[in-house]
N, C-alpha and C. Protein backbone atom coordinates (compact mmCIF):
# COMPACT_ATOMS: atom_id res chain seq x y z
N MET A 1 -16.46 26.28 60.52
CA MET A 1 -16.74 25.45 59.36
C MET A 1 -15.84 24.39 58.88
N ASN A 2 -15.93 22.81 58.60
CA ASN A 2 -14.94 22.03 58.01
C ASN A 2 -15.27 22.30 56.91
N ARG A 3 -14.15 22.26 55.86
CA ARG A 3 -14.13 22.46 54.30
C ARG A 3 -14.28 20.87 53.92
N SER A 4 -15.21 21.08 53.21
CA SER A 4 -15.41 19.80 52.37
C SER A 4 -14.16 18.93 51.54
N ARG A 5 -14.11 17.43 51.79
CA ARG A 5 -12.71 17.00 51.02
C ARG A 5 -13.09 16.95 49.29
N HIS A 6 -14.15 17.36 49.10
CA HIS A 6 -14.06 17.50 47.73
C HIS A 6 -13.88 18.90 46.95
N ALA A 7 -13.64 20.18 47.96
CA ALA A 7 -13.52 21.20 47.80
C ALA A 7 -12.20 21.48 46.51
N TYR A 8 -12.27 22.25 45.79
CA TYR A 8 -11.51 22.61 44.61
C TYR A 8 -10.10 22.71 45.58
N SER A 9 -8.94 22.23 44.69
CA SER A 9 -7.59 22.36 45.56
C SER A 9 -6.88 23.28 44.30
N PRO A 10 -6.36 24.04 44.44
CA PRO A 10 -5.52 24.89 43.58
C PRO A 10 -4.14 23.89 43.19
N GLN A 11 -3.86 23.56 44.09
CA GLN A 11 -2.18 22.51 43.95
C GLN A 11 -2.94 21.11 43.15
N GLY A 12 -4.14 20.65 43.53
CA GLY A 12 -4.46 19.54 42.54
C GLY A 12 -4.73 20.20 41.14
N GLY A 13 -5.36 21.20 40.96
CA GLY A 13 -5.81 21.83 39.33
C GLY A 13 -4.31 21.60 38.65
N LYS A 14 -3.55 22.27 39.49
CA LYS A 14 -2.12 22.17 38.75
C LYS A 14 -1.62 21.05 38.30
N ARG A 15 -1.48 20.01 39.31
CA ARG A 15 -1.00 18.57 38.98
C ARG A 15 -1.88 18.27 37.88
N TRP A 16 -2.89 18.54 37.63
CA TRP A 16 -4.18 17.52 36.33
C TRP A 16 -3.56 18.72 35.33
N LEU A 17 -2.90 19.68 35.38
CA LEU A 17 -2.94 20.68 34.20
C LEU A 17 -1.58 20.13 33.37
N ARG A 18 -0.60 20.00 34.58
CA ARG A 18 1.17 19.43 34.29
C ARG A 18 0.81 18.10 33.33
N ARG A 19 0.09 17.33 34.15
CA ARG A 19 -0.12 16.18 33.50
C ARG A 19 -0.74 15.94 32.34
N LEU A 20 -1.87 16.74 32.11
CA LEU A 20 -2.12 16.74 30.70
C LEU A 20 -1.19 17.61 29.77
N ILE A 21 -0.57 18.32 30.09
CA ILE A 21 0.29 19.04 29.00
C ILE A 21 1.33 18.19 28.97
N ALA A 22 1.65 17.14 29.64
CA ALA A 22 3.06 16.13 29.59
C ALA A 22 2.70 15.27 28.54
N PHE A 23 1.26 14.91 28.81
CA PHE A 23 0.78 13.86 27.68
C PHE A 23 0.35 13.91 26.46
N VAL A 24 -0.12 15.38 26.20
CA VAL A 24 -0.01 15.92 25.21
C VAL A 24 0.99 16.47 24.41
N SER A 25 2.05 16.61 25.13
CA SER A 25 3.43 17.05 24.52
C SER A 25 4.01 15.81 24.25
N ALA A 26 3.36 14.61 24.81
CA ALA A 26 4.60 13.39 24.57
C ALA A 26 3.58 12.50 23.27
N ALA A 27 2.17 12.95 23.52
CA ALA A 27 1.79 12.55 22.18
C ALA A 27 1.85 13.36 21.11
N VAL A 28 2.16 14.18 20.78
CA VAL A 28 2.81 15.11 19.54
C VAL A 28 3.81 14.62 19.21
N LEU A 29 5.09 14.55 20.25
CA LEU A 29 6.07 14.09 20.13
C LEU A 29 6.42 12.82 19.14
N LEU A 30 5.58 11.88 19.57
CA LEU A 30 5.39 10.75 19.09
C LEU A 30 4.91 10.43 17.81
N GLY A 31 4.05 11.53 17.76
CA GLY A 31 3.34 11.90 16.25
C GLY A 31 4.07 11.90 14.91
N LEU A 32 5.15 12.82 15.78
CA LEU A 32 5.98 13.66 14.71
C LEU A 32 6.96 12.58 14.58
N ILE A 33 7.67 12.04 15.23
CA ILE A 33 8.48 10.82 15.06
C ILE A 33 8.05 9.91 14.10
N TRP A 34 6.55 9.21 14.42
CA TRP A 34 5.73 8.61 13.41
C TRP A 34 5.97 9.06 12.10
N VAL A 35 5.30 10.08 12.00
CA VAL A 35 5.38 10.74 10.69
C VAL A 35 6.80 10.76 9.88
N GLY A 36 7.99 11.11 10.79
CA GLY A 36 9.33 11.30 10.51
C GLY A 36 9.72 9.84 9.60
N TYR A 37 9.34 8.92 10.45
CA TYR A 37 9.82 7.40 10.13
C TYR A 37 9.04 7.06 9.02
N VAL A 38 7.74 7.30 9.09
CA VAL A 38 7.06 6.99 7.57
C VAL A 38 7.41 7.28 6.59
N GLN A 39 7.70 8.68 6.32
CA GLN A 39 8.20 9.47 5.27
C GLN A 39 9.60 8.91 4.83
N TRP A 40 10.49 8.42 5.75
CA TRP A 40 11.82 7.77 5.22
C TRP A 40 11.75 6.71 4.93
N ARG A 41 10.68 5.88 5.37
CA ARG A 41 10.23 4.56 4.39
C ARG A 41 9.88 4.67 3.13
N ILE A 42 9.05 5.86 2.67
CA ILE A 42 8.31 6.11 1.56
C ILE A 42 9.62 6.49 0.80
N ARG A 43 10.62 7.45 1.25
CA ARG A 43 11.80 7.32 0.35
C ARG A 43 12.70 6.64 0.46
N SER A 44 12.90 5.79 1.05
CA SER A 44 13.78 4.39 1.04
C SER A 44 13.47 3.71 -0.07
N VAL A 45 11.73 3.66 -0.08
CA VAL A 45 11.61 2.73 -1.18
C VAL A 45 11.71 3.28 -2.78
N GLN A 46 11.41 4.59 -2.34
CA GLN A 46 11.62 5.40 -3.92
C GLN A 46 13.44 5.04 -4.23
N ASP A 47 13.96 5.08 -3.54
CA ASP A 47 15.34 5.09 -4.21
C ASP A 47 15.66 3.25 -4.71
N MET A 48 14.97 2.86 -4.64
CA MET A 48 15.32 1.04 -4.75
C MET A 48 15.64 0.94 -6.39
N PRO A 49 16.91 0.23 -6.21
CA PRO A 49 16.92 -0.12 -7.46
C PRO A 49 16.20 -1.35 -8.18
N LEU A 50 16.00 -1.07 -9.35
CA LEU A 50 14.88 -2.22 -10.17
C LEU A 50 15.81 -3.66 -10.25
N ALA A 51 15.17 -4.66 -9.70
CA ALA A 51 15.97 -6.16 -10.03
C ALA A 51 15.87 -6.21 -11.34
N ARG A 52 17.11 -7.13 -11.90
CA ARG A 52 17.31 -7.42 -13.21
C ARG A 52 16.89 -9.03 -13.38
N ASP A 53 16.56 -9.50 -12.33
CA ASP A 53 16.01 -10.98 -12.46
C ASP A 53 14.72 -11.40 -12.26
N ALA A 54 13.73 -10.01 -12.41
CA ALA A 54 12.76 -10.28 -12.10
C ALA A 54 11.71 -11.05 -12.64
N GLN A 55 10.83 -12.06 -12.25
CA GLN A 55 10.08 -12.83 -13.12
C GLN A 55 8.27 -12.49 -13.30
N VAL A 56 7.71 -11.64 -12.76
CA VAL A 56 6.70 -11.31 -12.90
C VAL A 56 6.63 -9.90 -12.07
N ALA A 57 5.59 -8.61 -13.15
CA ALA A 57 5.34 -7.50 -12.43
C ALA A 57 3.71 -7.61 -11.56
N ILE A 58 3.79 -7.36 -10.48
CA ILE A 58 2.24 -7.19 -9.68
C ILE A 58 1.83 -5.76 -9.79
N VAL A 59 0.78 -5.66 -10.50
CA VAL A 59 0.58 -4.26 -10.62
C VAL A 59 -0.96 -4.48 -9.79
N LEU A 60 -0.51 -3.10 -8.62
CA LEU A 60 -1.69 -3.39 -7.39
C LEU A 60 -2.74 -2.32 -8.27
N GLY A 61 -3.95 -2.63 -7.58
CA GLY A 61 -5.31 -2.41 -8.58
C GLY A 61 -5.71 -0.78 -8.02
N ALA A 62 -6.35 0.15 -8.56
CA ALA A 62 -6.85 1.24 -7.99
C ALA A 62 -8.13 1.01 -8.67
N SER A 63 -9.30 2.19 -8.63
CA SER A 63 -10.69 1.93 -8.82
C SER A 63 -10.68 2.01 -10.56
N LEU A 64 -12.04 1.76 -11.14
CA LEU A 64 -12.05 2.03 -12.22
C LEU A 64 -13.44 3.04 -12.11
N ARG A 65 -13.40 3.75 -13.67
CA ARG A 65 -14.89 4.55 -13.97
C ARG A 65 -15.14 4.00 -15.21
N ASN A 66 -16.46 3.83 -14.73
CA ASN A 66 -17.18 3.05 -16.01
C ASN A 66 -16.43 2.29 -16.67
N ASP A 67 -16.34 1.19 -15.89
CA ASP A 67 -15.40 -0.08 -16.07
C ASP A 67 -14.04 0.08 -16.85
N LYS A 68 -13.61 1.30 -16.55
CA LYS A 68 -12.48 1.81 -17.34
C LYS A 68 -11.14 2.18 -15.99
N PRO A 69 -9.99 2.09 -16.20
CA PRO A 69 -8.88 2.41 -15.50
C PRO A 69 -8.97 4.04 -15.58
N SER A 70 -9.23 4.44 -13.72
CA SER A 70 -9.14 5.79 -13.82
C SER A 70 -7.88 6.45 -14.18
N PRO A 71 -7.64 7.63 -14.01
CA PRO A 71 -6.27 8.50 -14.02
C PRO A 71 -5.05 7.70 -13.53
N ALA A 72 -5.64 7.70 -12.18
CA ALA A 72 -4.68 7.32 -11.47
C ALA A 72 -4.09 5.95 -11.51
N LEU A 73 -4.84 4.74 -11.79
CA LEU A 73 -4.80 3.74 -12.30
C LEU A 73 -3.82 3.45 -13.58
N ARG A 74 -4.45 4.06 -14.43
CA ARG A 74 -3.58 4.22 -15.72
C ARG A 74 -2.19 4.43 -15.64
N GLU A 75 -1.91 5.44 -14.72
CA GLU A 75 -0.19 5.89 -14.39
C GLU A 75 0.50 4.75 -13.78
N ARG A 76 -0.10 3.87 -13.16
CA ARG A 76 0.28 2.70 -12.84
C ARG A 76 0.47 1.58 -13.54
N LEU A 77 -0.49 1.30 -14.53
CA LEU A 77 -0.42 0.78 -15.93
C LEU A 77 0.60 0.85 -17.00
N GLU A 78 0.42 2.17 -17.14
CA GLU A 78 1.65 2.89 -17.95
C GLU A 78 3.06 2.33 -17.57
N GLN A 79 3.31 2.34 -16.03
CA GLN A 79 4.72 1.82 -15.51
C GLN A 79 4.59 0.61 -15.71
N ALA A 80 3.83 -0.27 -15.71
CA ALA A 80 3.99 -1.83 -16.09
C ALA A 80 3.99 -1.78 -17.37
N TYR A 81 3.29 -1.21 -18.31
CA TYR A 81 3.93 -1.37 -19.52
C TYR A 81 5.16 -0.84 -20.34
N LYS A 82 6.02 -0.06 -19.51
CA LYS A 82 6.92 0.49 -19.56
C LYS A 82 8.30 -0.86 -19.25
N LEU A 83 7.85 -1.43 -18.07
CA LEU A 83 8.49 -2.37 -17.60
C LEU A 83 8.57 -3.63 -18.85
N TYR A 84 7.47 -4.00 -19.25
CA TYR A 84 7.18 -4.98 -20.27
C TYR A 84 7.86 -4.63 -21.44
N GLU A 85 8.15 -3.49 -22.02
CA GLU A 85 8.58 -2.97 -23.27
C GLU A 85 9.73 -3.46 -22.99
N ILE A 86 10.46 -2.89 -21.49
CA ILE A 86 12.01 -2.93 -22.02
C ILE A 86 12.52 -4.07 -21.30
N GLY A 87 11.77 -5.05 -21.39
CA GLY A 87 12.24 -6.47 -21.29
C GLY A 87 12.35 -6.67 -19.50
N GLY A 88 11.92 -5.87 -18.80
CA GLY A 88 12.34 -6.07 -17.06
C GLY A 88 11.14 -7.45 -16.86
N VAL A 89 10.05 -7.64 -17.08
CA VAL A 89 9.42 -8.78 -17.24
C VAL A 89 8.91 -9.71 -18.09
N SER A 90 8.43 -10.44 -18.22
CA SER A 90 7.65 -10.95 -19.23
C SER A 90 6.03 -11.57 -19.15
N ARG A 91 5.82 -11.17 -18.02
CA ARG A 91 4.73 -11.60 -17.38
C ARG A 91 4.09 -10.54 -16.45
N LEU A 92 2.87 -10.27 -16.19
CA LEU A 92 2.17 -9.32 -15.42
C LEU A 92 0.98 -10.03 -14.87
N ILE A 93 0.72 -9.64 -13.45
CA ILE A 93 -0.22 -10.09 -12.63
C ILE A 93 -1.05 -8.59 -12.50
N VAL A 94 -2.09 -8.44 -12.31
CA VAL A 94 -2.70 -7.50 -12.62
C VAL A 94 -3.62 -7.59 -11.20
N SER A 95 -3.65 -6.99 -10.27
CA SER A 95 -4.64 -7.77 -9.19
C SER A 95 -5.75 -6.42 -8.77
N GLY A 96 -6.79 -6.66 -8.39
CA GLY A 96 -7.91 -5.83 -7.90
C GLY A 96 -8.98 -6.41 -7.92
N GLY A 97 -10.09 -6.64 -7.08
CA GLY A 97 -11.50 -6.77 -7.15
C GLY A 97 -12.55 -6.04 -7.43
N LEU A 98 -13.70 -6.06 -7.22
CA LEU A 98 -14.95 -5.65 -8.19
C LEU A 98 -15.03 -4.53 -6.95
N ASP A 99 -14.98 -3.18 -7.76
CA ASP A 99 -15.35 -1.78 -6.54
C ASP A 99 -16.62 -2.02 -6.37
N ASP A 100 -16.76 -0.80 -5.22
CA ASP A 100 -18.46 -0.79 -5.16
C ASP A 100 -18.99 0.48 -5.14
N ASN A 101 -18.37 1.06 -6.53
CA ASN A 101 -19.02 2.12 -7.20
C ASN A 101 -19.64 1.97 -8.43
N GLY A 102 -20.34 0.82 -8.63
CA GLY A 102 -20.77 0.59 -9.73
C GLY A 102 -20.28 0.19 -10.70
N ALA A 103 -19.03 -0.32 -10.70
CA ALA A 103 -18.32 -1.24 -11.56
C ALA A 103 -19.07 -2.45 -11.80
N THR A 104 -19.09 -2.88 -12.95
CA THR A 104 -19.36 -4.57 -13.51
C THR A 104 -18.51 -4.94 -13.68
N ILE A 105 -17.30 -4.73 -14.18
CA ILE A 105 -16.01 -5.50 -14.12
C ILE A 105 -15.16 -5.36 -13.06
N THR A 106 -14.34 -6.63 -12.82
CA THR A 106 -13.19 -6.38 -11.89
C THR A 106 -12.19 -5.27 -11.93
N GLU A 107 -11.45 -4.91 -11.04
CA GLU A 107 -10.34 -3.80 -11.22
C GLU A 107 -9.17 -4.52 -12.40
N ALA A 108 -8.92 -5.92 -12.01
CA ALA A 108 -8.15 -6.61 -12.44
C ALA A 108 -8.78 -6.76 -14.18
N GLU A 109 -10.02 -6.92 -14.25
CA GLU A 109 -10.52 -7.28 -15.70
C GLU A 109 -10.28 -5.98 -16.26
N GLY A 110 -10.69 -4.61 -15.92
CA GLY A 110 -10.24 -3.50 -16.35
C GLY A 110 -8.89 -3.14 -16.73
N MET A 111 -8.25 -3.64 -16.13
CA MET A 111 -6.51 -3.38 -15.92
C MET A 111 -6.00 -4.24 -17.29
N LYS A 112 -6.37 -5.43 -17.04
CA LYS A 112 -5.92 -6.50 -18.47
C LYS A 112 -6.52 -5.67 -19.77
N ARG A 113 -7.53 -5.17 -19.83
CA ARG A 113 -8.23 -4.97 -21.16
C ARG A 113 -7.39 -3.79 -21.36
N TYR A 114 -7.03 -2.75 -20.45
CA TYR A 114 -6.10 -1.82 -21.22
C TYR A 114 -4.91 -1.95 -21.36
N LEU A 115 -4.07 -3.24 -21.02
CA LEU A 115 -3.10 -3.42 -21.10
C LEU A 115 -2.94 -4.34 -22.65
N ILE A 116 -3.84 -5.03 -22.84
CA ILE A 116 -4.14 -5.84 -24.08
C ILE A 116 -4.30 -4.87 -24.97
N GLY A 117 -4.89 -3.37 -24.82
CA GLY A 117 -4.91 -2.29 -25.95
C GLY A 117 -3.93 -1.34 -26.05
N ARG A 118 -3.07 -1.70 -25.25
CA ARG A 118 -1.69 -1.20 -25.20
C ARG A 118 -0.88 -1.74 -26.30
N GLY A 119 -1.13 -3.55 -26.47
CA GLY A 119 -0.29 -4.00 -27.11
C GLY A 119 0.23 -5.36 -26.32
N ILE A 120 0.01 -5.51 -25.41
CA ILE A 120 0.28 -6.70 -24.77
C ILE A 120 -0.11 -7.99 -24.61
N PRO A 121 0.40 -8.83 -25.00
CA PRO A 121 -0.53 -10.24 -25.57
C PRO A 121 -1.08 -10.53 -24.29
N GLU A 122 -2.42 -11.21 -24.55
CA GLU A 122 -3.45 -11.72 -23.38
C GLU A 122 -2.69 -12.21 -22.52
N GLU A 123 -2.11 -13.65 -23.14
CA GLU A 123 -1.29 -14.84 -22.60
C GLU A 123 -0.38 -14.03 -21.46
N ALA A 124 0.33 -13.07 -21.62
CA ALA A 124 1.24 -12.34 -20.93
C ALA A 124 0.85 -11.81 -19.53
N ILE A 125 -0.46 -11.96 -19.46
CA ILE A 125 -1.66 -11.19 -18.12
C ILE A 125 -1.79 -12.16 -17.59
N LEU A 126 -1.81 -12.50 -16.29
CA LEU A 126 -3.07 -13.09 -15.57
C LEU A 126 -3.58 -12.04 -14.45
N GLU A 127 -4.70 -12.66 -14.04
CA GLU A 127 -5.82 -11.97 -13.43
C GLU A 127 -5.75 -12.47 -11.88
N GLU A 128 -5.71 -11.67 -10.98
CA GLU A 128 -6.26 -11.81 -9.43
C GLU A 128 -7.34 -10.50 -9.16
N GLY A 129 -8.53 -11.07 -9.25
CA GLY A 129 -9.77 -10.46 -9.13
C GLY A 129 -10.55 -10.44 -8.08
N GLU A 130 -9.80 -10.92 -6.67
CA GLU A 130 -10.67 -11.39 -5.48
C GLU A 130 -10.26 -10.40 -4.53
N SER A 131 -9.03 -9.57 -4.56
CA SER A 131 -8.64 -8.50 -3.42
C SER A 131 -9.66 -7.53 -3.26
N THR A 132 -9.18 -7.08 -2.25
CA THR A 132 -10.01 -5.61 -1.75
C THR A 132 -9.31 -4.54 -0.87
N SER A 133 -7.82 -5.17 -1.06
CA SER A 133 -6.69 -4.31 0.19
C SER A 133 -5.64 -4.61 -0.53
N THR A 134 -4.69 -3.79 -0.29
CA THR A 134 -3.53 -3.73 -0.70
C THR A 134 -2.81 -5.46 -0.18
N TYR A 135 -3.02 -5.60 1.15
CA TYR A 135 -2.40 -6.91 1.64
C TYR A 135 -3.20 -8.29 1.03
N GLU A 136 -4.51 -8.08 0.54
CA GLU A 136 -4.95 -9.17 -0.10
C GLU A 136 -4.56 -9.02 -1.85
N ASN A 137 -4.38 -8.05 -2.29
CA ASN A 137 -3.63 -7.94 -3.23
C ASN A 137 -2.27 -8.95 -3.68
N LEU A 138 -1.35 -8.37 -2.41
CA LEU A 138 0.01 -9.12 -2.65
C LEU A 138 -0.13 -10.83 -2.27
N LEU A 139 -1.16 -11.13 -1.22
CA LEU A 139 -1.25 -12.28 -0.72
C LEU A 139 -1.88 -13.09 -2.03
N PHE A 140 -3.24 -12.66 -2.48
CA PHE A 140 -3.74 -13.59 -3.32
C PHE A 140 -2.49 -13.55 -4.80
N SER A 141 -1.86 -12.55 -5.05
CA SER A 141 -0.88 -12.36 -6.09
C SER A 141 0.21 -13.62 -5.96
N LYS A 142 0.39 -13.80 -4.90
CA LYS A 142 1.26 -14.67 -4.07
C LYS A 142 1.32 -15.93 -4.64
N ARG A 143 -0.28 -16.47 -4.39
CA ARG A 143 -0.72 -17.57 -4.53
C ARG A 143 -0.32 -18.27 -5.98
N ILE A 144 -0.84 -17.08 -7.11
CA ILE A 144 -0.38 -17.33 -8.18
C ILE A 144 0.88 -17.47 -8.71
N MET A 145 1.89 -16.65 -8.05
CA MET A 145 3.27 -17.13 -8.19
C MET A 145 3.75 -18.17 -7.80
N ASP A 146 3.39 -18.60 -6.85
CA ASP A 146 3.42 -20.05 -5.80
C ASP A 146 2.83 -21.06 -6.87
N ARG A 147 2.11 -21.07 -7.76
CA ARG A 147 1.44 -21.82 -8.68
C ARG A 147 2.35 -21.96 -9.84
N GLU A 148 2.98 -20.80 -10.22
CA GLU A 148 3.77 -20.78 -11.29
C GLU A 148 4.98 -21.24 -11.47
N GLY A 149 5.23 -20.88 -9.64
CA GLY A 149 7.07 -21.43 -9.60
C GLY A 149 8.11 -20.03 -9.61
N TRP A 150 7.12 -18.91 -9.27
CA TRP A 150 7.86 -17.69 -9.35
C TRP A 150 7.84 -17.20 -8.11
N THR A 151 9.27 -16.34 -7.64
CA THR A 151 9.71 -16.00 -6.47
C THR A 151 10.12 -14.42 -6.47
N ARG A 152 10.35 -13.77 -7.72
CA ARG A 152 11.27 -12.57 -7.46
C ARG A 152 9.94 -11.60 -8.42
N PRO A 153 9.09 -10.86 -7.55
CA PRO A 153 8.23 -10.05 -8.51
C PRO A 153 8.68 -8.62 -8.22
N ILE A 154 8.08 -7.75 -9.13
CA ILE A 154 8.30 -6.37 -8.99
C ILE A 154 7.11 -5.86 -8.79
N ILE A 155 6.78 -5.26 -7.83
CA ILE A 155 5.59 -4.54 -7.51
C ILE A 155 5.52 -2.97 -8.34
N VAL A 156 4.21 -3.04 -8.65
CA VAL A 156 3.91 -1.81 -9.67
C VAL A 156 3.06 -1.02 -8.77
N THR A 157 3.42 0.59 -8.31
CA THR A 157 2.16 1.31 -7.60
C THR A 157 2.78 2.41 -7.72
N HIS A 158 2.10 3.59 -6.96
CA HIS A 158 2.83 4.85 -6.92
C HIS A 158 3.52 4.92 -5.92
N GLN A 159 4.66 6.10 -5.97
CA GLN A 159 5.38 6.47 -4.91
C GLN A 159 5.04 6.41 -3.59
N TYR A 160 4.20 7.10 -3.44
CA TYR A 160 3.33 7.08 -1.93
C TYR A 160 3.43 5.89 -0.98
N HIS A 161 2.71 4.75 -2.10
CA HIS A 161 2.18 3.32 -1.64
C HIS A 161 3.29 2.12 -1.71
N GLY A 162 4.64 2.38 -2.22
CA GLY A 162 5.91 1.70 -2.64
C GLY A 162 6.03 1.15 -0.80
N ALA A 163 6.49 1.95 0.21
CA ALA A 163 6.92 1.24 1.50
C ALA A 163 5.83 0.32 1.91
N ARG A 164 4.64 0.70 1.89
CA ARG A 164 3.86 -0.32 2.51
C ARG A 164 3.78 -1.52 2.02
N SER A 165 3.45 -1.58 0.95
CA SER A 165 3.57 -2.55 -0.14
C SER A 165 4.69 -3.36 0.05
N MET A 166 5.77 -3.17 0.13
CA MET A 166 6.84 -3.57 0.13
C MET A 166 7.08 -4.24 1.60
N ASP A 167 6.33 -3.64 2.79
CA ASP A 167 6.47 -4.12 4.20
C ASP A 167 5.61 -5.47 3.79
N ILE A 168 4.25 -5.11 3.36
CA ILE A 168 3.34 -6.01 3.32
C ILE A 168 3.99 -7.71 2.52
N ALA A 169 4.89 -7.05 1.50
CA ALA A 169 5.29 -8.39 0.78
C ALA A 169 6.66 -9.31 1.66
N ASP A 170 7.04 -8.60 2.34
CA ASP A 170 8.11 -9.10 3.47
C ASP A 170 7.69 -9.71 4.21
N PHE A 171 6.21 -9.37 4.70
CA PHE A 171 5.41 -10.29 5.58
C PHE A 171 5.01 -11.36 5.16
N ILE A 172 4.51 -11.29 3.94
CA ILE A 172 3.35 -12.73 3.45
C ILE A 172 4.90 -13.73 2.60
N GLY A 173 5.95 -13.28 2.82
CA GLY A 173 7.15 -13.93 2.09
C GLY A 173 7.18 -14.03 0.62
N LEU A 174 7.35 -12.75 0.48
CA LEU A 174 7.79 -11.95 -0.90
C LEU A 174 9.18 -11.67 -0.66
N SER A 175 10.33 -11.86 -0.14
CA SER A 175 11.14 -11.29 0.40
C SER A 175 12.21 -11.39 -1.06
N GLY A 176 11.77 -11.52 -2.00
CA GLY A 176 12.72 -11.24 -3.27
C GLY A 176 12.16 -10.37 -4.22
N ALA A 177 10.84 -9.52 -3.49
CA ALA A 177 10.06 -8.44 -4.15
C ALA A 177 11.30 -7.17 -4.35
N THR A 178 10.95 -6.62 -5.55
CA THR A 178 11.32 -5.42 -5.40
C THR A 178 10.43 -4.14 -6.11
N ALA A 179 10.30 -2.69 -5.88
CA ALA A 179 9.15 -2.28 -6.48
C ALA A 179 9.51 -1.20 -7.95
N SER A 180 8.93 -0.90 -8.51
CA SER A 180 8.81 0.17 -9.86
C SER A 180 7.54 1.15 -9.26
N LEU A 181 7.84 2.23 -9.10
CA LEU A 181 7.17 3.35 -8.46
C LEU A 181 6.82 4.05 -9.41
N ALA A 182 5.55 4.34 -9.87
CA ALA A 182 5.31 5.84 -10.51
C ALA A 182 4.91 6.85 -9.97
N ASP A 183 5.10 7.79 -10.45
CA ASP A 183 5.09 8.95 -9.99
C ASP A 183 3.57 9.71 -10.59
N SER A 184 3.10 10.87 -10.34
CA SER A 184 1.54 11.19 -10.60
C SER A 184 1.45 12.51 -11.15
N GLU A 185 0.54 13.05 -11.93
CA GLU A 185 0.20 14.21 -12.51
C GLU A 185 -1.11 14.18 -12.62
N VAL A 186 -1.72 13.14 -11.70
CA VAL A 186 -3.65 13.52 -11.64
C VAL A 186 -3.69 13.27 -10.15
N ILE A 187 -2.94 12.96 -9.41
CA ILE A 187 -3.08 13.12 -7.94
C ILE A 187 -2.32 13.92 -7.12
N TRP A 188 -2.49 14.75 -5.84
CA TRP A 188 -1.90 15.28 -5.22
C TRP A 188 -0.74 14.49 -4.44
N MET A 189 0.40 14.27 -4.73
CA MET A 189 1.15 13.45 -3.87
C MET A 189 1.59 13.74 -2.85
N PRO A 190 1.75 14.95 -2.09
CA PRO A 190 1.64 15.59 -0.34
C PRO A 190 0.54 14.87 0.24
N TRP A 191 -0.42 15.16 -0.62
CA TRP A 191 -1.98 14.64 0.75
C TRP A 191 -1.64 13.14 0.72
N HIS A 192 -1.42 12.18 -0.54
CA HIS A 192 -1.05 11.10 -0.47
C HIS A 192 -0.18 10.49 0.54
N LYS A 193 0.75 11.07 0.47
CA LYS A 193 2.27 10.80 1.23
C LYS A 193 1.60 11.21 2.59
N GLY A 194 1.15 12.18 3.32
CA GLY A 194 0.61 12.48 4.52
C GLY A 194 -0.56 11.31 5.01
N ARG A 195 -1.36 11.30 4.07
CA ARG A 195 -2.45 9.96 4.51
C ARG A 195 -2.19 8.57 4.85
N GLU A 196 -0.79 8.45 4.04
CA GLU A 196 -0.22 6.92 4.42
C GLU A 196 0.34 6.74 5.54
N THR A 197 0.95 7.81 6.17
CA THR A 197 1.03 7.92 7.96
C THR A 197 0.04 6.75 8.43
N LEU A 198 -1.29 7.21 7.99
CA LEU A 198 -2.52 6.72 9.15
C LEU A 198 -2.58 5.40 8.49
N ALA A 199 -2.32 5.12 7.16
CA ALA A 199 -2.64 3.92 6.46
C ALA A 199 -1.35 3.07 6.94
N PHE A 200 -0.21 3.26 7.15
CA PHE A 200 0.80 2.45 7.74
C PHE A 200 0.66 1.96 9.38
N ALA A 201 0.24 2.98 10.00
CA ALA A 201 -0.21 2.88 11.29
C ALA A 201 -1.45 2.01 11.28
N LYS A 202 -2.43 1.77 10.56
CA LYS A 202 -3.42 0.55 10.52
C LYS A 202 -2.61 -0.25 10.35
N TRP A 203 -1.74 -0.73 8.94
CA TRP A 203 -1.29 -2.01 8.45
C TRP A 203 0.09 -2.33 9.82
N TYR A 204 0.25 -1.60 10.50
CA TYR A 204 0.96 -2.11 11.90
C TYR A 204 0.35 -2.70 12.68
N ALA A 205 -1.02 -2.22 12.83
CA ALA A 205 -1.97 -2.91 13.75
C ALA A 205 -2.48 -4.28 13.24
N ASN A 206 -2.91 -4.07 12.10
CA ASN A 206 -3.36 -5.70 11.16
C ASN A 206 -2.03 -6.81 11.28
N LYS A 207 -0.70 -6.14 11.14
CA LYS A 207 0.22 -7.08 11.03
C LYS A 207 0.33 -7.67 12.31
N LEU A 208 0.27 -6.96 13.58
CA LEU A 208 0.37 -7.52 14.74
C LEU A 208 -0.94 -8.36 14.93
N LEU A 209 -2.23 -8.06 14.85
CA LEU A 209 -3.05 -9.23 14.85
C LEU A 209 -2.92 -10.19 13.94
N LEU A 210 -2.57 -10.46 12.70
CA LEU A 210 -2.08 -11.19 12.05
C LEU A 210 -0.79 -12.31 12.54
N SER A 211 0.01 -11.72 13.07
CA SER A 211 1.23 -12.22 13.59
C SER A 211 0.84 -13.21 14.54
N PHE A 212 -0.27 -13.30 15.45
CA PHE A 212 -0.70 -13.73 16.55
C PHE A 212 -1.96 -14.89 15.95
N ARG A 213 -2.09 -14.64 14.95
CA ARG A 213 -3.64 -15.38 14.32
C ARG A 213 -2.93 -16.96 14.26
N PRO A 214 -3.64 -18.07 14.96
CA PRO A 214 -3.47 -19.37 14.68
C PRO A 214 -3.15 -19.66 13.47
N THR A 215 -2.09 -20.65 13.05
CA THR A 215 -2.48 -21.25 11.71
C THR A 215 -3.21 -22.54 11.44
N ALA A 216 -3.66 -22.83 10.37
CA ALA A 216 -4.31 -23.78 10.30
C ALA A 216 -3.46 -25.11 10.01
């Protein structure tokens, strides 16, 4: 009796297993390389010297709680307050739209109220209250900068978030940007730095799509 052509072949099964192992090994290796690259980028921005000729600070938003800045957002705002107090900048752009967690004001409005409460004059604070992502934070803030004739911002955010923010800034034309990064006592930084690996991959995919998007 002839054996069916579809009968199981030990040699074929071994080849399939070797290919699967090779594919998984390559994927793991590429993943480890990507993690190492992102963590290196995060570290490199942490070591960035602060610009002496900055014209404005862009404070990137985070969530509100009962229309007030969350503990993590307060850390960013305190970083911006320190910059203003030492004369690092004379103007602040607070950037963030309306949360979907029941907030009745935008992140930008909540941030502005907090900074005014800390003693910063209202006229020194400009609001960007439409953005829903880091990309929009910076893109919409750049429009304010273009209107005011500013070119050299300091981006204020947390340490884990600085590298991606700077990459976005460079992509949209804020080549004169530097960063002032807050450490945190209220969020677990290793978790956020690890999650940033995925966020960076998503941003790179979006950047590729944006690069091929036709301009008007």
